[in-house]
Amino acid sequence: MDYGLQALKLVLGLLILTLTLRLLGKQNMAQMTPYDLVYIIVFGGILDSIFYDDKIGIFPFIFSALVWSISIYVIETLVKKFHIFRVFFRGTPDHIIETGKINLKLFDKNNLEFEQLRIVLREKGIFSLREVKDIYLEPDGQFSIIKYSNHKLEPTSSINLEKAEVTPNFLLIDEGEIELSVLKYIGKSEEWLKNEMNILGINDITTVVYCEWSDTNGFYYKTYNDCINQKRKGNIN
């Protein structure tokens, strides 16, 4: 192995990568998209395939790295100047919950699950979907959440709501299917859930796309008819 050649390749690779990042601008590092990850992975592949091959001299290495950098710079310039390129390479936010209505088509598009969304909400200090007015899934995979400004508890069952402490919130129905393991964990039965849903006017569990419950706040649920762009299983349209 020619250690001098490898060292030179490494230094040049670092310089070219630094130059490319400088040309793209510092703000891009805080706004990484799937496309950004792709060109970083591609550059890593270039380094991996060339770096350890002594048969590939320094000039072919420089040529490959420069073509990669110039291509990325041209694409980023087009993205800044033309909306069509911006949408294609950067993507647009998906409005997955709009004024409290769940957009099931966008849930499918992004392979989202309700429990996954609940984890995101809990990380942001939100423990019930009833508090959420709008959610945007940004191109970088982050969630932007707008809460109802004057959220008030609306009783939806006969559960006693005058308790001093807030209790945990549980997902009991997920896309028309009862979460039996959750019911077992909270010490409730399937019959109890069906009876409570009957009280709320729901006679067919498969029409419910989402149902959460807590001992403090009672039930909060959405049927498929409450959703936008119904596309998932259990669609009753």
C-alpha atoms as a PDB file:
ATOM      1  CA  MET A   1       0.000   0.000   0.000  1.00  0.00           C
ATOM      2  CA  ASP A   2       1.272   3.440  -0.942  1.00  0.00           C
ATOM      3  CA  TYR A   3       0.707   5.288   2.316  1.00  0.00           C
ATOM      4  CA  GLY A   4       1.753   8.623   0.858  1.00  0.00           C
ATOM      5  CA  LEU A   5      -0.874   8.337  -1.902  1.00  0.00           C
ATOM      6  CA  GLN A   6      -3.568   7.318   0.576  1.00  0.00           C
ATOM      7  CA  ALA A   7      -2.724  10.242   2.844  1.00  0.00           C
ATOM      8  CA  LEU A   8      -2.902  12.653  -0.093  1.00  0.00           C
ATOM      9  CA  LYS A   9      -6.277  11.241  -1.159  1.00  0.00           C
ATOM     10  CA  LEU A  10      -7.605  11.603   2.360  1.00  0.00           C
ATOM     11  CA  VAL A  11      -6.497  15.225   2.655  1.00  0.00           C
ATOM     12  CA  LEU A  12      -7.881  16.144  -0.778  1.00  0.00           C
ATOM     13  CA  GLY A  13     -11.146  14.361  -0.031  1.00  0.00           C
ATOM     14  CA  LEU A  14     -11.501  16.357   3.188  1.00  0.00           C
ATOM     15  CA  LEU A  15     -10.728  19.621   1.404  1.00  0.00           C
ATOM     16  CA  ILE A  16     -13.236  18.936  -1.387  1.00  0.00           C
ATOM     17  CA  LEU A  17     -15.949  17.984   1.100  1.00  0.00           C
ATOM     18  CA  THR A  18     -15.257  21.140   3.148  1.00  0.00           C
ATOM     19  CA  LEU A  19     -15.354  23.284   0.014  1.00  0.00           C
ATOM     20  CA  THR A  20     -18.660  21.757  -1.064  1.00  0.00           C
ATOM     21  CA  LEU A  21     -20.250  22.389   2.343  1.00  0.00           C
ATOM     22  CA  ARG A  22     -19.004  25.991   2.250  1.00  0.00           C
ATOM     23  CA  LEU A  23     -20.535  26.521  -1.184  1.00  0.00           C
ATOM     24  CA  LEU A  24     -23.863  25.035  -0.075  1.00  0.00           C
ATOM     25  CA  GLY A  25     -24.097  27.334   2.927  1.00  0.00           C
ATOM     26  CA  LYS A  26     -24.170  26.698   6.667  1.00  0.00           C
ATOM     27  CA  GLN A  27     -27.973  26.615   6.853  1.00  0.00           C
ATOM     28  CA  ASN A  28     -28.046  23.331   4.931  1.00  0.00           C
ATOM     29  CA  MET A  29     -26.419  21.489   7.817  1.00  0.00           C
ATOM     30  CA  ALA A  30     -29.443  22.303   9.995  1.00  0.00           C
ATOM     31  CA  GLN A  31     -31.935  21.391   7.267  1.00  0.00           C
ATOM     32  CA  MET A  32     -30.853  17.926   6.203  1.00  0.00           C
ATOM     33  CA  THR A  33     -33.266  16.140   3.881  1.00  0.00           C
ATOM     34  CA  PRO A  34     -33.259  12.585   2.469  1.00  0.00           C
ATOM     35  CA  TYR A  35     -31.593  13.999  -0.628  1.00  0.00           C
ATOM     36  CA  ASP A  36     -28.750  15.476   1.453  1.00  0.00           C
ATOM     37  CA  LEU A  37     -28.174  12.065   2.992  1.00  0.00           C
ATOM     38  CA  VAL A  38     -28.025  10.520  -0.475  1.00  0.00           C
ATOM     39  CA  TYR A  39     -25.253  12.732  -1.754  1.00  0.00           C
ATOM     40  CA  ILE A  40     -23.279  12.308   1.459  1.00  0.00           C
ATOM     41  CA  ILE A  41     -23.583   8.519   1.127  1.00  0.00           C
ATOM     42  CA  VAL A  42     -22.561   8.728  -2.550  1.00  0.00           C
ATOM     43  CA  PHE A  43     -19.484  10.723  -1.654  1.00  0.00           C
ATOM     44  CA  GLY A  44     -18.649   8.160   0.992  1.00  0.00           C
ATOM     45  CA  GLY A  45     -18.946   5.476  -1.688  1.00  0.00           C
ATOM     46  CA  ILE A  46     -16.568   7.409  -3.933  1.00  0.00           C
ATOM     47  CA  LEU A  47     -14.022   7.635  -1.164  1.00  0.00           C
ATOM     48  CA  ASP A  48     -14.438   3.988  -0.228  1.00  0.00           C
ATOM     49  CA  SER A  49     -13.975   2.699  -3.791  1.00  0.00           C
ATOM     50  CA  ILE A  50     -11.021   4.949  -4.625  1.00  0.00           C
ATOM     51  CA  PHE A  51      -9.221   5.491  -1.368  1.00  0.00           C
ATOM     52  CA  TYR A  52      -7.887   1.956  -0.874  1.00  0.00           C
ATOM     53  CA  ASP A  53      -7.188   1.222  -4.546  1.00  0.00           C
ATOM     54  CA  ASP A  54      -3.550   2.042  -5.344  1.00  0.00           C
ATOM     55  CA  LYS A  55      -4.255   1.533  -9.056  1.00  0.00           C
ATOM     56  CA  ILE A  56      -6.391   4.661  -9.061  1.00  0.00           C
ATOM     57  CA  GLY A  57      -4.101   7.656  -9.094  1.00  0.00           C
ATOM     58  CA  ILE A  58      -4.624  11.043  -7.570  1.00  0.00           C
ATOM     59  CA  PHE A  59      -5.979  12.686 -10.722  1.00  0.00           C
ATOM     60  CA  PRO A  60      -8.842  10.205 -11.294  1.00  0.00           C
ATOM     61  CA  PHE A  61      -9.663  10.659  -7.618  1.00  0.00           C
ATOM     62  CA  ILE A  62      -9.736  14.454  -7.923  1.00  0.00           C
ATOM     63  CA  PHE A  63     -11.827  14.205 -11.112  1.00  0.00           C
ATOM     64  CA  SER A  64     -14.446  11.974  -9.467  1.00  0.00           C
ATOM     65  CA  ALA A  65     -14.674  14.114  -6.350  1.00  0.00           C
ATOM     66  CA  LEU A  66     -14.905  17.362  -8.326  1.00  0.00           C
ATOM     67  CA  VAL A  67     -17.643  16.016 -10.621  1.00  0.00           C
ATOM     68  CA  TRP A  68     -19.595  15.003  -7.516  1.00  0.00           C
ATOM     69  CA  SER A  69     -19.129  18.408  -5.874  1.00  0.00           C
ATOM     70  CA  ILE A  70     -19.977  20.414  -8.998  1.00  0.00           C
ATOM     71  CA  SER A  71     -23.088  18.296  -9.581  1.00  0.00           C
ATOM     72  CA  ILE A  72     -24.316  18.928  -6.043  1.00  0.00           C
ATOM     73  CA  TYR A  73     -23.585  22.644  -6.343  1.00  0.00           C
ATOM     74  CA  VAL A  74     -25.519  22.907  -9.627  1.00  0.00           C
ATOM     75  CA  ILE A  75     -28.483  21.028  -8.174  1.00  0.00           C
ATOM     76  CA  GLU A  76     -28.535  23.212  -5.052  1.00  0.00           C
ATOM     77  CA  THR A  77     -28.431  26.341  -7.225  1.00  0.00           C
ATOM     78  CA  LEU A  78     -31.396  25.095  -9.250  1.00  0.00           C
ATOM     79  CA  VAL A  79     -33.245  24.247  -6.034  1.00  0.00           C
ATOM     80  CA  LYS A  80     -32.838  27.819  -4.789  1.00  0.00           C
ATOM     81  CA  LYS A  81     -33.948  29.438  -8.049  1.00  0.00           C
ATOM     82  CA  PHE A  82     -36.730  27.189  -9.321  1.00  0.00           C
ATOM     83  CA  HIS A  83     -39.712  25.923  -7.332  1.00  0.00           C
ATOM     84  CA  ILE A  84     -40.092  22.745  -9.409  1.00  0.00           C
ATOM     85  CA  PHE A  85     -36.551  21.649  -8.504  1.00  0.00           C
ATOM     86  CA  ARG A  86     -37.104  22.615  -4.873  1.00  0.00           C
ATOM     87  CA  VAL A  87     -40.165  20.406  -4.640  1.00  0.00           C
ATOM     88  CA  PHE A  88     -38.483  17.498  -6.436  1.00  0.00           C
ATOM     89  CA  PHE A  89     -35.237  17.484  -4.457  1.00  0.00           C
ATOM     90  CA  ARG A  90     -36.300  18.956  -1.103  1.00  0.00           C
ATOM     91  CA  GLY A  91     -39.931  17.903  -0.874  1.00  0.00           C
ATOM     92  CA  THR A  92     -42.793  19.745   0.807  1.00  0.00           C
ATOM     93  CA  PRO A  93     -44.392  19.478   4.266  1.00  0.00           C
ATOM     94  CA  ASP A  94     -47.286  17.024   4.603  1.00  0.00           C
ATOM     95  CA  HIS A  95     -50.309  18.311   6.540  1.00  0.00           C
ATOM     96  CA  ILE A  96     -51.108  15.016   8.262  1.00  0.00           C
ATOM     97  CA  ILE A  97     -53.632  16.461  10.728  1.00  0.00           C
ATOM     98  CA  GLU A  98     -55.696  19.436   9.600  1.00  0.00           C
ATOM     99  CA  THR A  99     -57.939  21.220  12.108  1.00  0.00           C
ATOM    100  CA  GLY A 100     -58.213  18.030  14.105  1.00  0.00           C
ATOM    101  CA  LYS A 101     -58.928  15.827  11.057  1.00  0.00           C
ATOM    102  CA  ILE A 102     -56.508  13.002  10.280  1.00  0.00           C
ATOM    103  CA  ASN A 103     -55.340  12.732   6.672  1.00  0.00           C
ATOM    104  CA  LEU A 104     -55.108   8.961   6.236  1.00  0.00           C
ATOM    105  CA  LYS A 105     -53.716   9.196   2.712  1.00  0.00           C
ATOM    106  CA  LEU A 106     -50.716  11.134   3.997  1.00  0.00           C
ATOM    107  CA  PHE A 107     -50.368   8.699   6.914  1.00  0.00           C
ATOM    108  CA  ASP A 108     -50.058   5.907   4.342  1.00  0.00           C
ATOM    109  CA  LYS A 109     -47.711   7.915   2.137  1.00  0.00           C
ATOM    110  CA  ASN A 110     -45.287   8.401   5.034  1.00  0.00           C
ATOM    111  CA  ASN A 111     -45.783   4.924   6.574  1.00  0.00           C
ATOM    112  CA  LEU A 112     -46.919   6.477   9.850  1.00  0.00           C
ATOM    113  CA  GLU A 113     -48.568   4.600  12.693  1.00  0.00           C
ATOM    114  CA  PHE A 114     -50.633   6.135  15.463  1.00  0.00           C
ATOM    115  CA  GLU A 115     -48.427   4.789  18.232  1.00  0.00           C
ATOM    116  CA  GLN A 116     -45.438   6.286  16.452  1.00  0.00           C
ATOM    117  CA  LEU A 117     -47.233   9.644  16.369  1.00  0.00           C
ATOM    118  CA  ARG A 118     -48.150   9.341  20.057  1.00  0.00           C
ATOM    119  CA  ILE A 119     -44.467   8.885  20.900  1.00  0.00           C
ATOM    120  CA  VAL A 120     -43.642  12.103  19.047  1.00  0.00           C
ATOM    121  CA  LEU A 121     -46.409  13.939  20.890  1.00  0.00           C
ATOM    122  CA  ARG A 122     -45.240  12.695  24.288  1.00  0.00           C
ATOM    123  CA  GLU A 123     -41.694  13.843  23.498  1.00  0.00           C
ATOM    124  CA  LYS A 124     -43.142  17.320  22.967  1.00  0.00           C
ATOM    125  CA  GLY A 125     -45.126  17.224  26.208  1.00  0.00           C
ATOM    126  CA  ILE A 126     -48.496  16.460  24.572  1.00  0.00           C
ATOM    127  CA  PHE A 127     -50.279  13.444  26.024  1.00  0.00           C
ATOM    128  CA  SER A 128     -53.538  13.435  24.087  1.00  0.00           C
ATOM    129  CA  LEU A 129     -54.407  13.831  20.429  1.00  0.00           C
ATOM    130  CA  ARG A 130     -57.405  15.917  21.520  1.00  0.00           C
ATOM    131  CA  GLU A 131     -55.001  18.799  22.209  1.00  0.00           C
ATOM    132  CA  VAL A 132     -53.707  18.856  18.637  1.00  0.00           C
ATOM    133  CA  LYS A 133     -55.139  21.098  15.935  1.00  0.00           C
ATOM    134  CA  ASP A 134     -52.566  20.665  13.142  1.00  0.00           C
ATOM    135  CA  ILE A 135     -49.493  18.540  12.510  1.00  0.00           C
ATOM    136  CA  TYR A 136     -47.060  19.003   9.634  1.00  0.00           C
ATOM    137  CA  LEU A 137     -44.504  16.360   8.737  1.00  0.00           C
ATOM    138  CA  GLU A 138     -41.546  18.349   7.453  1.00  0.00           C
ATOM    139  CA  PRO A 139     -39.267  17.205   4.597  1.00  0.00           C
ATOM    140  CA  ASP A 140     -36.494  16.472   7.119  1.00  0.00           C
ATOM    141  CA  GLY A 141     -38.782  14.084   9.039  1.00  0.00           C
ATOM    142  CA  GLN A 142     -39.477  16.449  11.940  1.00  0.00           C
ATOM    143  CA  PHE A 143     -43.002  17.150  13.197  1.00  0.00           C
ATOM    144  CA  SER A 144     -44.374  20.675  13.541  1.00  0.00           C
ATOM    145  CA  ILE A 145     -47.344  20.690  15.917  1.00  0.00           C
ATOM    146  CA  ILE A 146     -49.988  23.348  16.518  1.00  0.00           C
ATOM    147  CA  LYS A 147     -52.131  22.917  19.625  1.00  0.00           C
ATOM    148  CA  TYR A 148     -55.583  24.294  20.177  1.00  0.00           C
ATOM    149  CA  SER A 149     -55.051  27.673  21.827  1.00  0.00           C
ATOM    150  CA  ASN A 150     -57.856  27.224  24.363  1.00  0.00           C
ATOM    151  CA  HIS A 151     -58.003  23.485  24.795  1.00  0.00           C
ATOM    152  CA  LYS A 152     -60.676  22.455  27.257  1.00  0.00           C
ATOM    153  CA  LEU A 153     -61.561  18.989  28.417  1.00  0.00           C
ATOM    154  CA  GLU A 154     -64.760  17.737  26.844  1.00  0.00           C
ATOM    155  CA  PRO A 155     -66.314  14.808  28.704  1.00  0.00           C
ATOM    156  CA  THR A 156     -67.002  11.903  26.361  1.00  0.00           C
ATOM    157  CA  SER A 157     -68.022   9.194  28.798  1.00  0.00           C
ATOM    158  CA  SER A 158     -69.389   8.553  32.234  1.00  0.00           C
ATOM    159  CA  ILE A 159     -65.874   8.388  33.677  1.00  0.00           C
ATOM    160  CA  ASN A 160     -65.349  10.590  36.773  1.00  0.00           C
ATOM    161  CA  LEU A 161     -63.300  13.545  35.501  1.00  0.00           C
ATOM    162  CA  GLU A 162     -62.841  15.367  38.785  1.00  0.00           C
ATOM    163  CA  LYS A 163     -59.561  13.788  39.794  1.00  0.00           C
ATOM    164  CA  ALA A 164     -56.652  15.750  41.123  1.00  0.00           C
ATOM    165  CA  GLU A 165     -53.932  14.026  39.127  1.00  0.00           C
ATOM    166  CA  VAL A 166     -53.673  13.347  35.412  1.00  0.00           C
ATOM    167  CA  THR A 167     -53.407   9.637  34.621  1.00  0.00           C
ATOM    168  CA  PRO A 168     -51.656   7.948  31.682  1.00  0.00           C
ATOM    169  CA  ASN A 169     -53.284   7.903  28.255  1.00  0.00           C
ATOM    170  CA  PHE A 170     -53.700   4.604  26.369  1.00  0.00           C
ATOM    171  CA  LEU A 171     -54.420   3.713  22.738  1.00  0.00           C
ATOM    172  CA  LEU A 172     -57.314   1.236  22.843  1.00  0.00           C
ATOM    173  CA  ILE A 173     -58.419   1.099  19.190  1.00  0.00           C
ATOM    174  CA  ASP A 174     -55.971   1.417  16.324  1.00  0.00           C
ATOM    175  CA  GLU A 175     -57.460   1.464  12.804  1.00  0.00           C
ATOM    176  CA  GLY A 176     -60.522  -0.565  13.725  1.00  0.00           C
ATOM    177  CA  GLU A 177     -58.658  -3.121  15.840  1.00  0.00           C
ATOM    178  CA  ILE A 178     -58.899  -3.416  19.609  1.00  0.00           C
ATOM    179  CA  GLU A 179     -55.554  -3.373  21.403  1.00  0.00           C
ATOM    180  CA  LEU A 180     -56.166  -6.384  23.643  1.00  0.00           C
ATOM    181  CA  SER A 181     -52.741  -6.248  25.260  1.00  0.00           C
ATOM    182  CA  VAL A 182     -53.371  -2.657  26.324  1.00  0.00           C
ATOM    183  CA  LEU A 183     -56.772  -3.552  27.759  1.00  0.00           C
ATOM    184  CA  LYS A 184     -55.159  -6.335  29.766  1.00  0.00           C
ATOM    185  CA  TYR A 185     -52.478  -3.958  31.019  1.00  0.00           C
ATOM    186  CA  ILE A 186     -55.032  -1.430  32.326  1.00  0.00           C
ATOM    187  CA  GLY A 187     -57.233  -4.144  33.802  1.00  0.00           C
ATOM    188  CA  LYS A 188     -60.179  -3.677  31.432  1.00  0.00           C
ATOM    189  CA  SER A 189     -62.061  -6.155  29.242  1.00  0.00           C
ATOM    190  CA  GLU A 190     -63.112  -6.123  25.617  1.00  0.00           C
ATOM    191  CA  GLU A 191     -66.738  -6.138  26.759  1.00  0.00           C
ATOM    192  CA  TRP A 192     -66.110  -3.029  28.870  1.00  0.00           C
ATOM    193  CA  LEU A 193     -64.671  -1.206  25.857  1.00  0.00           C
ATOM    194  CA  LYS A 194     -67.550  -2.181  23.584  1.00  0.00           C
ATOM    195  CA  ASN A 195     -70.104  -1.103  26.193  1.00  0.00           C
ATOM    196  CA  GLU A 196     -68.397   2.265  26.626  1.00  0.00           C
ATOM    197  CA  MET A 197     -68.265   2.772  22.854  1.00  0.00           C
ATOM    198  CA  ASN A 198     -71.970   1.897  22.613  1.00  0.00           C
ATOM    199  CA  ILE A 199     -72.683   4.642  25.138  1.00  0.00           C
ATOM    200  CA  LEU A 200     -70.805   7.015  22.859  1.00  0.00           C
ATOM    201  CA  GLY A 201     -72.895   5.896  19.877  1.00  0.00           C
ATOM    202  CA  ILE A 202     -70.310   3.599  18.278  1.00  0.00           C
ATOM    203  CA  ASN A 203     -71.793   0.171  17.566  1.00  0.00           C
ATOM    204  CA  ASP A 204     -69.107  -1.046  15.168  1.00  0.00           C
ATOM    205  CA  ILE A 205     -65.518  -0.928  16.420  1.00  0.00           C
ATOM    206  CA  THR A 206     -64.139  -1.275  12.856  1.00  0.00           C
ATOM    207  CA  THR A 207     -65.447   2.210  12.032  1.00  0.00           C
ATOM    208  CA  VAL A 208     -63.089   3.723  14.625  1.00  0.00           C
ATOM    209  CA  VAL A 209     -59.690   4.719  13.265  1.00  0.00           C
ATOM    210  CA  TYR A 210     -58.344   5.992  16.590  1.00  0.00           C
ATOM    211  CA  CYS A 211     -59.460   5.766  20.205  1.00  0.00           C
ATOM    212  CA  GLU A 212     -57.530   6.767  23.294  1.00  0.00           C
ATOM    213  CA  TRP A 213     -58.561   6.628  26.933  1.00  0.00           C
ATOM    214  CA  SER A 214     -57.346   7.783  30.287  1.00  0.00           C
ATOM    215  CA  ASP A 215     -58.932   7.501  33.698  1.00  0.00           C
ATOM    216  CA  THR A 216     -58.739  11.286  34.004  1.00  0.00           C
ATOM    217  CA  ASN A 217     -60.005  12.438  30.606  1.00  0.00           C
ATOM    218  CA  GLY A 218     -62.114   9.511  29.453  1.00  0.00           C
ATOM    219  CA  PHE A 219     -62.400   8.679  25.761  1.00  0.00           C
ATOM    220  CA  TYR A 220     -61.281  10.583  22.698  1.00  0.00           C
ATOM    221  CA  TYR A 221     -61.868   8.926  19.337  1.00  0.00           C
ATOM    222  CA  LYS A 222     -62.006   9.487  15.598  1.00  0.00           C
ATOM    223  CA  THR A 223     -64.001   7.421  13.118  1.00  0.00           C
ATOM    224  CA  TYR A 224     -63.094   6.981   9.473  1.00  0.00           C
ATOM    225  CA  ASN A 225     -65.836   9.466   8.620  1.00  0.00           C
ATOM    226  CA  ASP A 226     -64.005  12.055  10.737  1.00  0.00           C
ATOM    227  CA  CYS A 227     -60.867  11.702   8.600  1.00  0.00           C
ATOM    228  CA  ILE A 228     -59.611  13.275   5.390  1.00  0.00           C
ATOM    229  CA  ASN A 229     -58.759  11.167   2.327  1.00  0.00           C
ATOM    230  CA  GLN A 230     -59.883   7.828   3.722  1.00  0.00           C
ATOM    231  CA  LYS A 231     -57.638   5.170   2.287  1.00  0.00           C
ATOM    232  CA  ARG A 232     -56.845   2.744   5.053  1.00  0.00           C
ATOM    233  CA  LYS A 233     -58.387  -0.555   6.011  1.00  0.00           C
ATOM    234  CA  GLY A 234     -61.770  -0.286   7.641  1.00  0.00           C
ATOM    235  CA  ASN A 235     -62.846   2.447   5.239  1.00  0.00           C
ATOM    236  CA  ILE A 236     -66.608   2.540   5.445  1.00  0.00           C
ATOM    237  CA  ASN A 237     -67.161   4.716   2.402  1.00  0.00           C
END
